[in-house]
């Protein structure tokens, strides 16, 4: 039979690998989205589209521009979130197994 439970990748020391950090990628993505929106609003204001119209169109245009320009950062963030989810699920299953007493025991 095949086991459908995700396996934890091994780290360099043979133990479970630590998932990548999410916070730096999330911060980079958020700051980049804000910078793209501010830049587009500034360009539209300098082009003569003033006040609320420039703000509205700048924010609306920043969505597809961010989607195209930040693909690599978004992919890395998604990978980090997925790896963190697998690590948390594995740790939770391990804890449940240890608490129920059915965990694997090493024999010397």
C-alpha atoms as a PDB file:
ATOM      1  CA  UNK A   1       0.000   0.000   0.000  1.00  0.00           C
ATOM      2  CA  UNK A   2       1.113   3.528  -0.589  1.00  0.00           C
ATOM      3  CA  UNK A   3       1.135   6.098   2.148  1.00  0.00           C
ATOM      4  CA  UNK A   4      -0.466   9.377   1.075  1.00  0.00           C
ATOM      5  CA  UNK A   5       0.934  11.330   4.032  1.00  0.00           C
ATOM      6  CA  UNK A   6       3.559  13.920   3.057  1.00  0.00           C
ATOM      7  CA  UNK A   7       7.098  13.056   3.968  1.00  0.00           C
ATOM      8  CA  UNK A   8       9.363  15.566   5.585  1.00  0.00           C
ATOM      9  CA  UNK A   9      12.455  16.324   3.504  1.00  0.00           C
ATOM     10  CA  UNK A  10      15.762  15.606   5.187  1.00  0.00           C
ATOM     11  CA  UNK A  11      18.112  18.409   6.097  1.00  0.00           C
ATOM     12  CA  UNK A  12      21.904  18.386   5.703  1.00  0.00           C
ATOM     13  CA  UNK A  13      22.368  16.790   9.128  1.00  0.00           C
ATOM     14  CA  UNK A  14      19.927  13.941   8.390  1.00  0.00           C
ATOM     15  CA  UNK A  15      17.152  15.400  10.544  1.00  0.00           C
ATOM     16  CA  UNK A  16      13.999  17.037   9.241  1.00  0.00           C
ATOM     17  CA  UNK A  17      14.626  20.058   7.046  1.00  0.00           C
ATOM     18  CA  UNK A  18      13.513  23.400   8.373  1.00  0.00           C
ATOM     19  CA  UNK A  19      10.969  25.107   6.136  1.00  0.00           C
ATOM     20  CA  UNK A  20      12.008  28.374   4.506  1.00  0.00           C
ATOM     21  CA  UNK A  21      11.113  31.573   6.289  1.00  0.00           C
ATOM     22  CA  UNK A  22       7.915  33.249   5.151  1.00  0.00           C
ATOM     23  CA  UNK A  23       8.329  36.728   6.641  1.00  0.00           C
ATOM     24  CA  UNK A  24      11.109  38.040   4.347  1.00  0.00           C
ATOM     25  CA  UNK A  25       9.234  36.996   1.194  1.00  0.00           C
ATOM     26  CA  UNK A  26       5.959  38.409   2.503  1.00  0.00           C
ATOM     27  CA  UNK A  27       7.623  41.698   3.407  1.00  0.00           C
ATOM     28  CA  UNK A  28       9.362  41.936   0.026  1.00  0.00           C
ATOM     29  CA  UNK A  29       6.132  41.214  -1.837  1.00  0.00           C
ATOM     30  CA  UNK A  30       4.098  43.722   0.176  1.00  0.00           C
ATOM     31  CA  UNK A  31       6.665  46.527  -0.096  1.00  0.00           C
ATOM     32  CA  UNK A  32       7.092  45.869  -3.818  1.00  0.00           C
ATOM     33  CA  UNK A  33       3.331  46.040  -4.411  1.00  0.00           C
ATOM     34  CA  UNK A  34       3.152  49.348  -2.538  1.00  0.00           C
ATOM     35  CA  UNK A  35       6.120  50.798  -4.450  1.00  0.00           C
ATOM     36  CA  UNK A  36       4.604  49.832  -7.795  1.00  0.00           C
ATOM     37  CA  UNK A  37       1.299  51.480  -6.828  1.00  0.00           C
ATOM     38  CA  UNK A  38       3.025  54.668  -5.632  1.00  0.00           C
ATOM     39  CA  UNK A  39       5.144  54.852  -8.790  1.00  0.00           C
ATOM     40  CA  UNK A  40       2.140  54.444 -11.079  1.00  0.00           C
ATOM     41  CA  UNK A  41       0.123  57.048  -9.170  1.00  0.00           C
ATOM     42  CA  UNK A  42       3.055  59.477  -9.396  1.00  0.00           C
ATOM     43  CA  UNK A  43       3.446  58.872 -13.131  1.00  0.00           C
ATOM     44  CA  UNK A  44      -0.265  59.468 -13.715  1.00  0.00           C
ATOM     45  CA  UNK A  45      -0.236  62.637 -11.628  1.00  0.00           C
ATOM     46  CA  UNK A  46       2.779  63.927 -13.561  1.00  0.00           C
ATOM     47  CA  UNK A  47       1.017  63.062 -16.820  1.00  0.00           C
ATOM     48  CA  UNK A  48      -1.818  65.399 -15.843  1.00  0.00           C
ATOM     49  CA  UNK A  49      -4.407  62.976 -14.479  1.00  0.00           C
ATOM     50  CA  UNK A  50      -4.969  64.658 -11.146  1.00  0.00           C
ATOM     51  CA  UNK A  51      -6.347  63.954  -7.737  1.00  0.00           C
ATOM     52  CA  UNK A  52      -8.708  61.023  -7.216  1.00  0.00           C
ATOM     53  CA  UNK A  53      -8.764  59.863 -10.837  1.00  0.00           C
ATOM     54  CA  UNK A  54      -4.971  59.492 -10.860  1.00  0.00           C
ATOM     55  CA  UNK A  55      -5.049  57.696  -7.537  1.00  0.00           C
ATOM     56  CA  UNK A  56      -7.823  55.344  -8.644  1.00  0.00           C
ATOM     57  CA  UNK A  57      -6.275  54.480 -12.007  1.00  0.00           C
ATOM     58  CA  UNK A  58      -2.815  54.131 -10.474  1.00  0.00           C
ATOM     59  CA  UNK A  59      -4.044  51.626  -7.905  1.00  0.00           C
ATOM     60  CA  UNK A  60      -6.082  49.738 -10.498  1.00  0.00           C
ATOM     61  CA  UNK A  61      -3.161  49.583 -12.933  1.00  0.00           C
ATOM     62  CA  UNK A  62      -0.805  48.428 -10.193  1.00  0.00           C
ATOM     63  CA  UNK A  63      -2.689  45.123  -9.854  1.00  0.00           C
ATOM     64  CA  UNK A  64      -1.828  43.630 -13.267  1.00  0.00           C
ATOM     65  CA  UNK A  65       1.623  45.219 -13.252  1.00  0.00           C
ATOM     66  CA  UNK A  66       2.367  43.646  -9.860  1.00  0.00           C
ATOM     67  CA  UNK A  67       0.966  40.321 -11.039  1.00  0.00           C
ATOM     68  CA  UNK A  68       3.388  40.275 -13.968  1.00  0.00           C
ATOM     69  CA  UNK A  69       6.412  41.915 -12.351  1.00  0.00           C
ATOM     70  CA  UNK A  70       6.390  40.063  -9.021  1.00  0.00           C
ATOM     71  CA  UNK A  71       5.860  36.517 -10.279  1.00  0.00           C
ATOM     72  CA  UNK A  72       9.155  35.160  -8.919  1.00  0.00           C
ATOM     73  CA  UNK A  73       8.632  36.680  -5.470  1.00  0.00           C
ATOM     74  CA  UNK A  74       5.042  35.401  -5.365  1.00  0.00           C
ATOM     75  CA  UNK A  75       6.202  31.898  -6.356  1.00  0.00           C
ATOM     76  CA  UNK A  76       8.853  31.872  -3.620  1.00  0.00           C
ATOM     77  CA  UNK A  77       6.297  33.047  -1.072  1.00  0.00           C
ATOM     78  CA  UNK A  78       3.885  30.305  -2.134  1.00  0.00           C
ATOM     79  CA  UNK A  79       6.629  27.666  -1.872  1.00  0.00           C
ATOM     80  CA  UNK A  80       7.592  28.873   1.597  1.00  0.00           C
ATOM     81  CA  UNK A  81       3.965  28.790   2.759  1.00  0.00           C
ATOM     82  CA  UNK A  82       3.467  25.287   1.344  1.00  0.00           C
ATOM     83  CA  UNK A  83       6.663  23.977   2.958  1.00  0.00           C
ATOM     84  CA  UNK A  84       5.662  25.504   6.265  1.00  0.00           C
ATOM     85  CA  UNK A  85       2.242  23.865   6.011  1.00  0.00           C
ATOM     86  CA  UNK A  86       3.780  20.439   5.364  1.00  0.00           C
ATOM     87  CA  UNK A  87       6.194  20.878   8.271  1.00  0.00           C
ATOM     88  CA  UNK A  88       3.388  21.904  10.641  1.00  0.00           C
ATOM     89  CA  UNK A  89       1.191  18.996   9.527  1.00  0.00           C
ATOM     90  CA  UNK A  90       4.059  16.532   9.994  1.00  0.00           C
ATOM     91  CA  UNK A  91       4.879  17.921  13.439  1.00  0.00           C
ATOM     92  CA  UNK A  92       1.223  17.722  14.431  1.00  0.00           C
ATOM     93  CA  UNK A  93       0.955  14.102  13.272  1.00  0.00           C
ATOM     94  CA  UNK A  94       4.177  13.249  15.118  1.00  0.00           C
ATOM     95  CA  UNK A  95       2.879  14.841  18.311  1.00  0.00           C
ATOM     96  CA  UNK A  96      -0.424  12.978  18.039  1.00  0.00           C
ATOM     97  CA  UNK A  97       1.427   9.702  17.504  1.00  0.00           C
ATOM     98  CA  UNK A  98       3.672  10.323  20.514  1.00  0.00           C
ATOM     99  CA  UNK A  99       0.724  11.289  22.717  1.00  0.00           C
ATOM    100  CA  UNK A 100      -1.256   8.201  21.746  1.00  0.00           C
ATOM    101  CA  UNK A 101       1.764   5.974  22.282  1.00  0.00           C
ATOM    102  CA  UNK A 102       1.780   4.586  18.763  1.00  0.00           C
ATOM    103  CA  UNK A 103       4.867   6.455  17.605  1.00  0.00           C
ATOM    104  CA  UNK A 104       7.892   4.690  16.292  1.00  0.00           C
ATOM    105  CA  UNK A 105      10.236   3.668  19.038  1.00  0.00           C
ATOM    106  CA  UNK A 106      13.920   3.147  18.444  1.00  0.00           C
ATOM    107  CA  UNK A 107      15.371  -0.083  19.711  1.00  0.00           C
ATOM    108  CA  UNK A 108      19.018  -0.164  20.657  1.00  0.00           C
END
